[in-house]
PDB file of all heavy atoms in Angstrom:
ATOM      1  N   LEU A   1      42.024  97.834  86.833  1.00  0.00           N
ATOM      2  CA  LEU A   1      42.213  99.279  86.675  1.00  0.00           C
ATOM      3  C   LEU A   1      42.592  99.560  85.233  1.00  0.00           C
ATOM      4  O   LEU A   1      43.515  98.932  84.691  1.00  0.00           O
ATOM      5  CB  LEU A   1      43.307  99.780  87.618  1.00  0.00           C
ATOM      6  CG  LEU A   1      43.507 101.303  87.693  1.00  0.00           C
ATOM      7  CD1 LEU A   1      42.267 101.979  88.274  1.00  0.00           C
ATOM      8  CD2 LEU A   1      44.732 101.639  88.547  1.00  0.00           C
ATOM      9  N   LEU A   2      41.896 100.508  84.609  1.00  0.00           N
ATOM     10  CA  LEU A   2      42.143 100.862  83.218  1.00  0.00           C
ATOM     11  C   LEU A   2      43.328 101.814  83.087  1.00  0.00           C
ATOM     12  O   LEU A   2      43.485 102.747  83.879  1.00  0.00           O
ATOM     13  CB  LEU A   2      40.904 101.537  82.622  1.00  0.00           C
ATOM     14  CG  LEU A   2      39.674 100.644  82.400  1.00  0.00           C
ATOM     15  CD1 LEU A   2      38.461 101.495  82.078  1.00  0.00           C
ATOM     16  CD2 LEU A   2      39.931  99.634  81.297  1.00  0.00           C
ATOM     17  N   PHE A   3      44.130 101.582  82.053  1.00  0.00           N
ATOM     18  CA  PHE A   3      45.243 102.466  81.694  1.00  0.00           C
ATOM     19  C   PHE A   3      45.080 102.903  80.238  1.00  0.00           C
ATOM     20  O   PHE A   3      44.344 102.284  79.467  1.00  0.00           O
ATOM     21  CB  PHE A   3      46.584 101.747  81.876  1.00  0.00           C
ATOM     22  CG  PHE A   3      47.040 101.624  83.297  1.00  0.00           C
ATOM     23  CD1 PHE A   3      46.460 100.696  84.146  1.00  0.00           C
ATOM     24  CD2 PHE A   3      48.058 102.435  83.789  1.00  0.00           C
ATOM     25  CE1 PHE A   3      46.884 100.573  85.466  1.00  0.00           C
ATOM     26  CE2 PHE A   3      48.489 102.320  85.104  1.00  0.00           C
ATOM     27  CZ  PHE A   3      47.902 101.384  85.947  1.00  0.00           C
ATOM     28  N   SER A   4      45.813 103.952  79.861  1.00  0.00           N
ATOM     29  CA  SER A   4      45.668 104.502  78.517  1.00  0.00           C
ATOM     30  C   SER A   4      46.304 103.636  77.443  1.00  0.00           C
ATOM     31  O   SER A   4      45.961 103.751  76.270  1.00  0.00           O
ATOM     32  CB  SER A   4      46.280 105.908  78.459  1.00  0.00           C
ATOM     33  OG  SER A   4      47.658 105.863  78.822  1.00  0.00           O
ATOM     34  N   SER A   5      47.251 102.767  77.813  1.00  0.00           N
ATOM     35  CA  SER A   5      47.921 101.891  76.853  1.00  0.00           C
ATOM     36  C   SER A   5      48.577 100.742  77.596  1.00  0.00           C
ATOM     37  O   SER A   5      48.758 100.799  78.825  1.00  0.00           O
ATOM     38  CB  SER A   5      48.979 102.657  76.049  1.00  0.00           C
ATOM     39  OG  SER A   5      50.074 103.003  76.891  1.00  0.00           O
ATOM     40  N   GLY A   6      48.968  99.705  76.848  1.00  0.00           N
ATOM     41  CA  GLY A   6      49.706  98.616  77.451  1.00  0.00           C
ATOM     42  C   GLY A   6      51.047  99.086  77.990  1.00  0.00           C
ATOM     43  O   GLY A   6      51.513  98.608  79.030  1.00  0.00           O
ATOM     44  N   TYR A   7      51.686  99.989  77.275  1.00  0.00           N
ATOM     45  CA  TYR A   7      52.958 100.549  77.748  1.00  0.00           C
ATOM     46  C   TYR A   7      52.759 101.234  79.093  1.00  0.00           C
ATOM     47  O   TYR A   7      53.520 101.014  80.042  1.00  0.00           O
ATOM     48  CB  TYR A   7      53.503 101.531  76.711  1.00  0.00           C
ATOM     49  CG  TYR A   7      54.897 102.023  77.026  1.00  0.00           C
ATOM     50  CD1 TYR A   7      56.014 101.400  76.478  1.00  0.00           C
ATOM     51  CD2 TYR A   7      55.098 103.096  77.884  1.00  0.00           C
ATOM     52  CE1 TYR A   7      57.298 101.836  76.790  1.00  0.00           C
ATOM     53  CE2 TYR A   7      56.366 103.540  78.197  1.00  0.00           C
ATOM     54  CZ  TYR A   7      57.465 102.913  77.639  1.00  0.00           C
ATOM     55  OH  TYR A   7      58.729 103.327  77.948  1.00  0.00           O
ATOM     56  N   ALA A   8      51.723 102.056  79.193  1.00  0.00           N
ATOM     57  CA  ALA A   8      51.464 102.768  80.447  1.00  0.00           C
ATOM     58  C   ALA A   8      51.144 101.794  81.575  1.00  0.00           C
ATOM     59  O   ALA A   8      51.540 102.019  82.734  1.00  0.00           O
ATOM     60  CB  ALA A   8      50.318 103.750  80.257  1.00  0.00           C
ATOM     61  N   ALA A   9      50.447 100.713  81.267  1.00  0.00           N
ATOM     62  CA  ALA A   9      50.090  99.733  82.294  1.00  0.00           C
ATOM     63  C   ALA A   9      51.334  99.039  82.843  1.00  0.00           C
ATOM     64  O   ALA A   9      51.517  98.930  84.065  1.00  0.00           O
ATOM     65  CB  ALA A   9      49.111  98.710  81.731  1.00  0.00           C
ATOM     66  N   ASN A  10      52.206  98.560  81.959  1.00  0.00           N
ATOM     67  CA  ASN A  10      53.405  97.866  82.421  1.00  0.00           C
ATOM     68  C   ASN A  10      54.371  98.803  83.140  1.00  0.00           C
ATOM     69  O   ASN A  10      54.874  98.488  84.229  1.00  0.00           O
ATOM     70  CB  ASN A  10      54.112  97.196  81.240  1.00  0.00           C
ATOM     71  CG  ASN A  10      53.555  95.826  80.935  1.00  0.00           C
ATOM     72  OD1 ASN A  10      53.077  95.119  81.816  1.00  0.00           O
ATOM     73  ND2 ASN A  10      53.610  95.439  79.677  1.00  0.00           N
ATOM     74  N   VAL A  11      54.654  99.939  82.524  1.00  0.00           N
ATOM     75  CA  VAL A  11      55.576 100.887  83.154  1.00  0.00           C
ATOM     76  C   VAL A  11      55.036 101.347  84.502  1.00  0.00           C
ATOM     77  O   VAL A  11      55.747 101.368  85.508  1.00  0.00           O
ATOM     78  CB  VAL A  11      55.826 102.098  82.225  1.00  0.00           C
ATOM     79  CG1 VAL A  11      56.514 103.225  82.984  1.00  0.00           C
ATOM     80  CG2 VAL A  11      56.688 101.689  81.044  1.00  0.00           C
ATOM     81  N   GLY A  12      53.765 101.705  84.524  1.00  0.00           N
ATOM     82  CA  GLY A  12      53.173 102.224  85.756  1.00  0.00           C
ATOM     83  C   GLY A  12      53.102 101.191  86.857  1.00  0.00           C
ATOM     84  O   GLY A  12      53.442 101.468  88.019  1.00  0.00           O
ATOM     85  N   ALA A  13      52.665  99.982  86.517  1.00  0.00           N
ATOM     86  CA  ALA A  13      52.492  98.957  87.548  1.00  0.00           C
ATOM     87  C   ALA A  13      53.829  98.483  88.105  1.00  0.00           C
ATOM     88  O   ALA A  13      54.006  98.388  89.328  1.00  0.00           O
ATOM     89  CB  ALA A  13      51.697  97.785  86.980  1.00  0.00           C
ATOM     90  N   ILE A  14      54.773  98.167  87.223  1.00  0.00           N
ATOM     91  CA  ILE A  14      56.055  97.636  87.708  1.00  0.00           C
ATOM     92  C   ILE A  14      56.797  98.683  88.532  1.00  0.00           C
ATOM     93  O   ILE A  14      57.331  98.391  89.610  1.00  0.00           O
ATOM     94  CB  ILE A  14      56.919  97.149  86.529  1.00  0.00           C
ATOM     95  CG1 ILE A  14      56.237  95.962  85.839  1.00  0.00           C
ATOM     96  CG2 ILE A  14      58.310  96.748  86.999  1.00  0.00           C
ATOM     97  CD1 ILE A  14      56.896  95.543  84.534  1.00  0.00           C
ATOM     98  N   ALA A  15      56.830  99.912  88.038  1.00  0.00           N
ATOM     99  CA  ALA A  15      57.548 100.974  88.759  1.00  0.00           C
ATOM    100  C   ALA A  15      56.878 101.306  90.085  1.00  0.00           C
ATOM    101  O   ALA A  15      57.543 101.759  91.030  1.00  0.00           O
ATOM    102  CB  ALA A  15      57.647 102.220  87.882  1.00  0.00           C
ATOM    103  N   ALA A  16      55.562 101.096  90.189  1.00  0.00           N
ATOM    104  CA  ALA A  16      54.864 101.362  91.445  1.00  0.00           C
ATOM    105  C   ALA A  16      55.041 100.233  92.450  1.00  0.00           C
ATOM    106  O   ALA A  16      55.032 100.460  93.659  1.00  0.00           O
ATOM    107  CB  ALA A  16      53.374 101.568  91.178  1.00  0.00           C
ATOM    108  N   LEU A  17      55.209  99.004  91.954  1.00  0.00           N
ATOM    109  CA  LEU A  17      55.267  97.850  92.848  1.00  0.00           C
ATOM    110  C   LEU A  17      56.673  97.553  93.355  1.00  0.00           C
ATOM    111  O   LEU A  17      56.867  97.278  94.532  1.00  0.00           O
ATOM    112  CB  LEU A  17      54.699  96.618  92.124  1.00  0.00           C
ATOM    113  CG  LEU A  17      53.195  96.649  91.838  1.00  0.00           C
ATOM    114  CD1 LEU A  17      52.817  95.536  90.870  1.00  0.00           C
ATOM    115  CD2 LEU A  17      52.403  96.523  93.140  1.00  0.00           C
ATOM    116  N   ALA A  18      57.649  97.557  92.461  1.00  0.00           N
ATOM    117  CA  ALA A  18      59.022  97.209  92.851  1.00  0.00           C
ATOM    118  C   ALA A  18      59.781  98.477  93.252  1.00  0.00           C
ATOM    119  O   ALA A  18      59.497  99.567  92.765  1.00  0.00           O
ATOM    120  CB  ALA A  18      59.725  96.509  91.699  1.00  0.00           C
ATOM    121  N   ARG A  19      60.771  98.291  94.133  1.00  0.00           N
ATOM    122  CA  ARG A  19      61.528  99.433  94.658  1.00  0.00           C
ATOM    123  C   ARG A  19      63.002  99.072  94.808  1.00  0.00           C
ATOM    124  O   ARG A  19      63.371  97.893  94.739  1.00  0.00           O
ATOM    125  CB  ARG A  19      60.997  99.825  96.036  1.00  0.00           C
ATOM    126  CG  ARG A  19      59.526 100.100  96.126  1.00  0.00           C
ATOM    127  CD  ARG A  19      59.166 100.483  97.537  1.00  0.00           C
ATOM    128  NE  ARG A  19      57.722 100.503  97.731  1.00  0.00           N
ATOM    129  CZ  ARG A  19      57.128 100.763  98.888  1.00  0.00           C
ATOM    130  NH1 ARG A  19      57.877 101.009  99.954  1.00  0.00           N
ATOM    131  NH2 ARG A  19      55.823 100.780  98.990  1.00  0.00           N
ATOM    132  N   PRO A  20      63.842 100.069  95.072  1.00  0.00           N
ATOM    133  CA  PRO A  20      65.231  99.746  95.407  1.00  0.00           C
ATOM    134  C   PRO A  20      65.276  98.760  96.572  1.00  0.00           C
ATOM    135  O   PRO A  20      64.524  98.885  97.538  1.00  0.00           O
ATOM    136  CB  PRO A  20      65.824 101.108  95.792  1.00  0.00           C
ATOM    137  CG  PRO A  20      64.995 102.097  95.008  1.00  0.00           C
ATOM    138  CD  PRO A  20      63.599 101.531  94.995  1.00  0.00           C
ATOM    139  N   GLY A  21      66.136  97.774  96.451  1.00  0.00           N
ATOM    140  CA  GLY A  21      66.199  96.710  97.442  1.00  0.00           C
ATOM    141  C   GLY A  21      65.464  95.466  97.024  1.00  0.00           C
ATOM    142  O   GLY A  21      65.677  94.381  97.578  1.00  0.00           O
ATOM    143  N   ASP A  22      64.563  95.590  96.037  1.00  0.00           N
ATOM    144  CA  ASP A  22      63.864  94.442  95.474  1.00  0.00           C
ATOM    145  C   ASP A  22      64.699  93.823  94.357  1.00  0.00           C
ATOM    146  O   ASP A  22      65.614  94.453  93.823  1.00  0.00           O
ATOM    147  CB  ASP A  22      62.516  94.861  94.892  1.00  0.00           C
ATOM    148  CG  ASP A  22      61.518  95.302  95.953  1.00  0.00           C
ATOM    149  OD1 ASP A  22      61.897  95.324  97.150  1.00  0.00           O
ATOM    150  OD2 ASP A  22      60.386  95.634  95.580  1.00  0.00           O
ATOM    151  N   VAL A  23      64.352  92.609  93.985  1.00  0.00           N
ATOM    152  CA  VAL A  23      64.935  91.954  92.820  1.00  0.00           C
ATOM    153  C   VAL A  23      63.806  91.559  91.873  1.00  0.00           C
ATOM    154  O   VAL A  23      62.820  90.955  92.293  1.00  0.00           O
ATOM    155  CB  VAL A  23      65.762  90.709  93.212  1.00  0.00           C
ATOM    156  CG1 VAL A  23      66.139  89.892  91.975  1.00  0.00           C
ATOM    157  CG2 VAL A  23      67.018  91.116  93.971  1.00  0.00           C
ATOM    158  N   ILE A  24      63.967  91.940  90.611  1.00  0.00           N
ATOM    159  CA  ILE A  24      63.022  91.545  89.558  1.00  0.00           C
ATOM    160  C   ILE A  24      63.722  90.570  88.639  1.00  0.00           C
ATOM    161  O   ILE A  24      64.781  90.874  88.090  1.00  0.00           O
ATOM    162  CB  ILE A  24      62.541  92.754  88.737  1.00  0.00           C
ATOM    163  CG1 ILE A  24      61.881  93.810  89.624  1.00  0.00           C
ATOM    164  CG2 ILE A  24      61.581  92.306  87.636  1.00  0.00           C
ATOM    165  CD1 ILE A  24      61.521  95.095  88.890  1.00  0.00           C
ATOM    166  N   VAL A  25      63.138  89.399  88.455  1.00  0.00           N
ATOM    167  CA  VAL A  25      63.638  88.425  87.498  1.00  0.00           C
ATOM    168  C   VAL A  25      62.809  88.580  86.227  1.00  0.00           C
ATOM    169  O   VAL A  25      61.583  88.427  86.252  1.00  0.00           O
ATOM    170  CB  VAL A  25      63.535  86.990  88.048  1.00  0.00           C
ATOM    171  CG1 VAL A  25      64.015  85.978  87.016  1.00  0.00           C
ATOM    172  CG2 VAL A  25      64.347  86.874  89.342  1.00  0.00           C
ATOM    173  N   SER A  26      63.477  88.890  85.115  1.00  0.00           N
ATOM    174  CA  SER A  26      62.783  89.268  83.883  1.00  0.00           C
ATOM    175  C   SER A  26      63.276  88.438  82.706  1.00  0.00           C
ATOM    176  O   SER A  26      64.488  88.263  82.517  1.00  0.00           O
ATOM    177  CB  SER A  26      63.032  90.762  83.608  1.00  0.00           C
ATOM    178  OG  SER A  26      62.423  91.180  82.402  1.00  0.00           O
ATOM    179  N   ASP A  27      62.343  87.937  81.903  1.00  0.00           N
ATOM    180  CA  ASP A  27      62.692  87.174  80.702  1.00  0.00           C
ATOM    181  C   ASP A  27      63.435  88.068  79.710  1.00  0.00           C
ATOM    182  O   ASP A  27      63.104  89.243  79.528  1.00  0.00           O
ATOM    183  CB  ASP A  27      61.414  86.622  80.050  1.00  0.00           C
ATOM    184  CG  ASP A  27      61.695  85.656  78.923  1.00  0.00           C
ATOM    185  OD1 ASP A  27      62.088  86.105  77.824  1.00  0.00           O
ATOM    186  OD2 ASP A  27      61.521  84.441  79.122  1.00  0.00           O
ATOM    187  N   ALA A  28      64.435  87.497  79.043  1.00  0.00           N
ATOM    188  CA  ALA A  28      65.284  88.271  78.127  1.00  0.00           C
ATOM    189  C   ALA A  28      64.505  88.882  76.977  1.00  0.00           C
ATOM    190  O   ALA A  28      64.944  89.883  76.392  1.00  0.00           O
ATOM    191  CB  ALA A  28      66.400  87.388  77.583  1.00  0.00           C
ATOM    192  N   LEU A  29      63.373  88.300  76.600  1.00  0.00           N
ATOM    193  CA  LEU A  29      62.610  88.826  75.464  1.00  0.00           C
ATOM    194  C   LEU A  29      61.347  89.573  75.889  1.00  0.00           C
ATOM    195  O   LEU A  29      60.447  89.803  75.080  1.00  0.00           O
ATOM    196  CB  LEU A  29      62.249  87.689  74.493  1.00  0.00           C
ATOM    197  CG  LEU A  29      63.438  86.998  73.818  1.00  0.00           C
ATOM    198  CD1 LEU A  29      62.939  86.027  72.737  1.00  0.00           C
ATOM    199  CD2 LEU A  29      64.405  88.002  73.201  1.00  0.00           C
ATOM    200  N   ASN A  30      61.286  89.986  77.145  1.00  0.00           N
ATOM    201  CA  ASN A  30      60.139  90.775  77.581  1.00  0.00           C
ATOM    202  C   ASN A  30      60.029  92.078  76.788  1.00  0.00           C
ATOM    203  O   ASN A  30      61.024  92.635  76.329  1.00  0.00           O
ATOM    204  CB  ASN A  30      60.255  91.100  79.076  1.00  0.00           C
ATOM    205  CG  ASN A  30      59.677  89.999  79.953  1.00  0.00           C
ATOM    206  OD1 ASN A  30      58.868  89.184  79.510  1.00  0.00           O
ATOM    207  ND2 ASN A  30      60.097  89.970  81.211  1.00  0.00           N
ATOM    208  N   HIS A  31      58.806  92.560  76.675  1.00  0.00           N
ATOM    209  CA  HIS A  31      58.511  93.771  75.907  1.00  0.00           C
ATOM    210  C   HIS A  31      59.224  94.998  76.482  1.00  0.00           C
ATOM    211  O   HIS A  31      59.536  95.050  77.673  1.00  0.00           O
ATOM    212  CB  HIS A  31      56.993  93.998  75.922  1.00  0.00           C
ATOM    213  CG  HIS A  31      56.521  95.054  74.983  1.00  0.00           C
ATOM    214  ND1 HIS A  31      56.335  96.362  75.374  1.00  0.00           N
ATOM    215  CD2 HIS A  31      56.204  95.004  73.666  1.00  0.00           C
ATOM    216  CE1 HIS A  31      55.904  97.071  74.336  1.00  0.00           C
ATOM    217  NE2 HIS A  31      55.825  96.273  73.288  1.00  0.00           N
ATOM    218  N   ALA A  32      59.451  95.972  75.626  1.00  0.00           N
ATOM    219  CA  ALA A  32      60.139  97.203  76.037  1.00  0.00           C
ATOM    220  C   ALA A  32      59.439  97.883  77.209  1.00  0.00           C
ATOM    221  O   ALA A  32      60.099  98.489  78.070  1.00  0.00           O
ATOM    222  CB  ALA A  32      60.232  98.165  74.847  1.00  0.00           C
ATOM    223  N   SER A  33      58.128  97.808  77.272  1.00  0.00           N
ATOM    224  CA  SER A  33      57.405  98.443  78.375  1.00  0.00           C
ATOM    225  C   SER A  33      57.728  97.786  79.706  1.00  0.00           C
ATOM    226  O   SER A  33      57.786  98.450  80.749  1.00  0.00           O
ATOM    227  CB  SER A  33      55.902  98.400  78.112  1.00  0.00           C
ATOM    228  OG  SER A  33      55.444  97.059  77.945  1.00  0.00           O
ATOM    229  N   ILE A  34      57.950  96.469  79.698  1.00  0.00           N
ATOM    230  CA  ILE A  34      58.363  95.769  80.911  1.00  0.00           C
ATOM    231  C   ILE A  34      59.785  96.174  81.280  1.00  0.00           C
ATOM    232  O   ILE A  34      60.079  96.466  82.447  1.00  0.00           O
ATOM    233  CB  ILE A  34      58.264  94.249  80.709  1.00  0.00           C
ATOM    234  CG1 ILE A  34      56.791  93.832  80.551  1.00  0.00           C
ATOM    235  CG2 ILE A  34      58.922  93.489  81.858  1.00  0.00           C
ATOM    236  CD1 ILE A  34      56.598  92.361  80.241  1.00  0.00           C
ATOM    237  N   ILE A  35      60.661  96.201  80.290  1.00  0.00           N
ATOM    238  CA  ILE A  35      62.055  96.591  80.536  1.00  0.00           C
ATOM    239  C   ILE A  35      62.114  97.988  81.151  1.00  0.00           C
ATOM    240  O   ILE A  35      62.821  98.232  82.135  1.00  0.00           O
ATOM    241  CB  ILE A  35      62.864  96.538  79.229  1.00  0.00           C
ATOM    242  CG1 ILE A  35      62.956  95.090  78.732  1.00  0.00           C
ATOM    243  CG2 ILE A  35      64.244  97.147  79.409  1.00  0.00           C
ATOM    244  CD1 ILE A  35      63.518  94.958  77.328  1.00  0.00           C
ATOM    245  N   ASP A  36      61.360  98.920  80.577  1.00  0.00           N
ATOM    246  CA  ASP A  36      61.390 100.295  81.082  1.00  0.00           C
ATOM    247  C   ASP A  36      60.789 100.389  82.483  1.00  0.00           C
ATOM    248  O   ASP A  36      61.283 101.144  83.335  1.00  0.00           O
ATOM    249  CB  ASP A  36      60.648 101.220  80.121  1.00  0.00           C
ATOM    250  CG  ASP A  36      61.396 101.409  78.817  1.00  0.00           C
ATOM    251  OD1 ASP A  36      62.540 100.936  78.711  1.00  0.00           O
ATOM    252  OD2 ASP A  36      60.836 102.021  77.882  1.00  0.00           O
ATOM    253  N   GLY A  37      59.731  99.630  82.744  1.00  0.00           N
ATOM    254  CA  GLY A  37      59.150  99.615  84.088  1.00  0.00           C
ATOM    255  C   GLY A  37      60.144  99.098  85.113  1.00  0.00           C
ATOM    256  O   GLY A  37      60.257  99.644  86.217  1.00  0.00           O
ATOM    257  N   CYS A  38      60.878  98.046  84.745  1.00  0.00           N
ATOM    258  CA  CYS A  38      61.901  97.496  85.644  1.00  0.00           C
ATOM    259  C   CYS A  38      62.971  98.548  85.933  1.00  0.00           C
ATOM    260  O   CYS A  38      63.398  98.729  87.086  1.00  0.00           O
ATOM    261  CB  CYS A  38      62.530  96.258  85.026  1.00  0.00           C
ATOM    262  SG  CYS A  38      61.429  94.807  84.936  1.00  0.00           S
ATOM    263  N   ARG A  39      63.426  99.237  84.899  1.00  0.00           N
ATOM    264  CA  ARG A  39      64.463 100.253  85.089  1.00  0.00           C
ATOM    265  C   ARG A  39      63.983 101.387  85.987  1.00  0.00           C
ATOM    266  O   ARG A  39      64.704 101.862  86.873  1.00  0.00           O
ATOM    267  CB  ARG A  39      64.891 100.809  83.734  1.00  0.00           C
ATOM    268  CG  ARG A  39      65.681  99.821  82.879  1.00  0.00           C
ATOM    269  CD  ARG A  39      65.855 100.351  81.472  1.00  0.00           C
ATOM    270  NE  ARG A  39      66.714  99.482  80.659  1.00  0.00           N
ATOM    271  CZ  ARG A  39      66.840  99.585  79.336  1.00  0.00           C
ATOM    272  NH1 ARG A  39      66.180 100.536  78.682  1.00  0.00           N
ATOM    273  NH2 ARG A  39      67.630  98.763  78.687  1.00  0.00           N
ATOM    274  N   LEU A  40      62.765 101.834  85.754  1.00  0.00           N
ATOM    275  CA  LEU A  40      62.238 102.958  86.526  1.00  0.00           C
ATOM    276  C   LEU A  40      61.997 102.599  87.990  1.00  0.00           C
ATOM    277  O   LEU A  40      61.985 103.473  88.849  1.00  0.00           O
ATOM    278  CB  LEU A  40      60.931 103.450  85.898  1.00  0.00           C
ATOM    279  CG  LEU A  40      61.074 104.230  84.588  1.00  0.00           C
ATOM    280  CD1 LEU A  40      59.708 104.431  83.947  1.00  0.00           C
ATOM    281  CD2 LEU A  40      61.751 105.563  84.834  1.00  0.00           C
ATOM    282  N   SER A  41      61.789 101.327  88.276  1.00  0.00           N
ATOM    283  CA  SER A  41      61.490 100.915  89.648  1.00  0.00           C
ATOM    284  C   SER A  41      62.670 101.138  90.589  1.00  0.00           C
ATOM    285  O   SER A  41      62.486 101.290  91.797  1.00  0.00           O
ATOM    286  CB  SER A  41      61.095  99.437  89.675  1.00  0.00           C
ATOM    287  OG  SER A  41      62.227  98.597  89.470  1.00  0.00           O
TER     288      SER A  41
END
């Protein structure tokens, strides 16, 4: 699925897939778009 940017892809996908009650294990140096997607989830 095409997205407008890498930021939009990471934020959109992570926030759509993970939810309250889930646990995301994230590398400390992951990109800001991953961090923001995790927070929004």
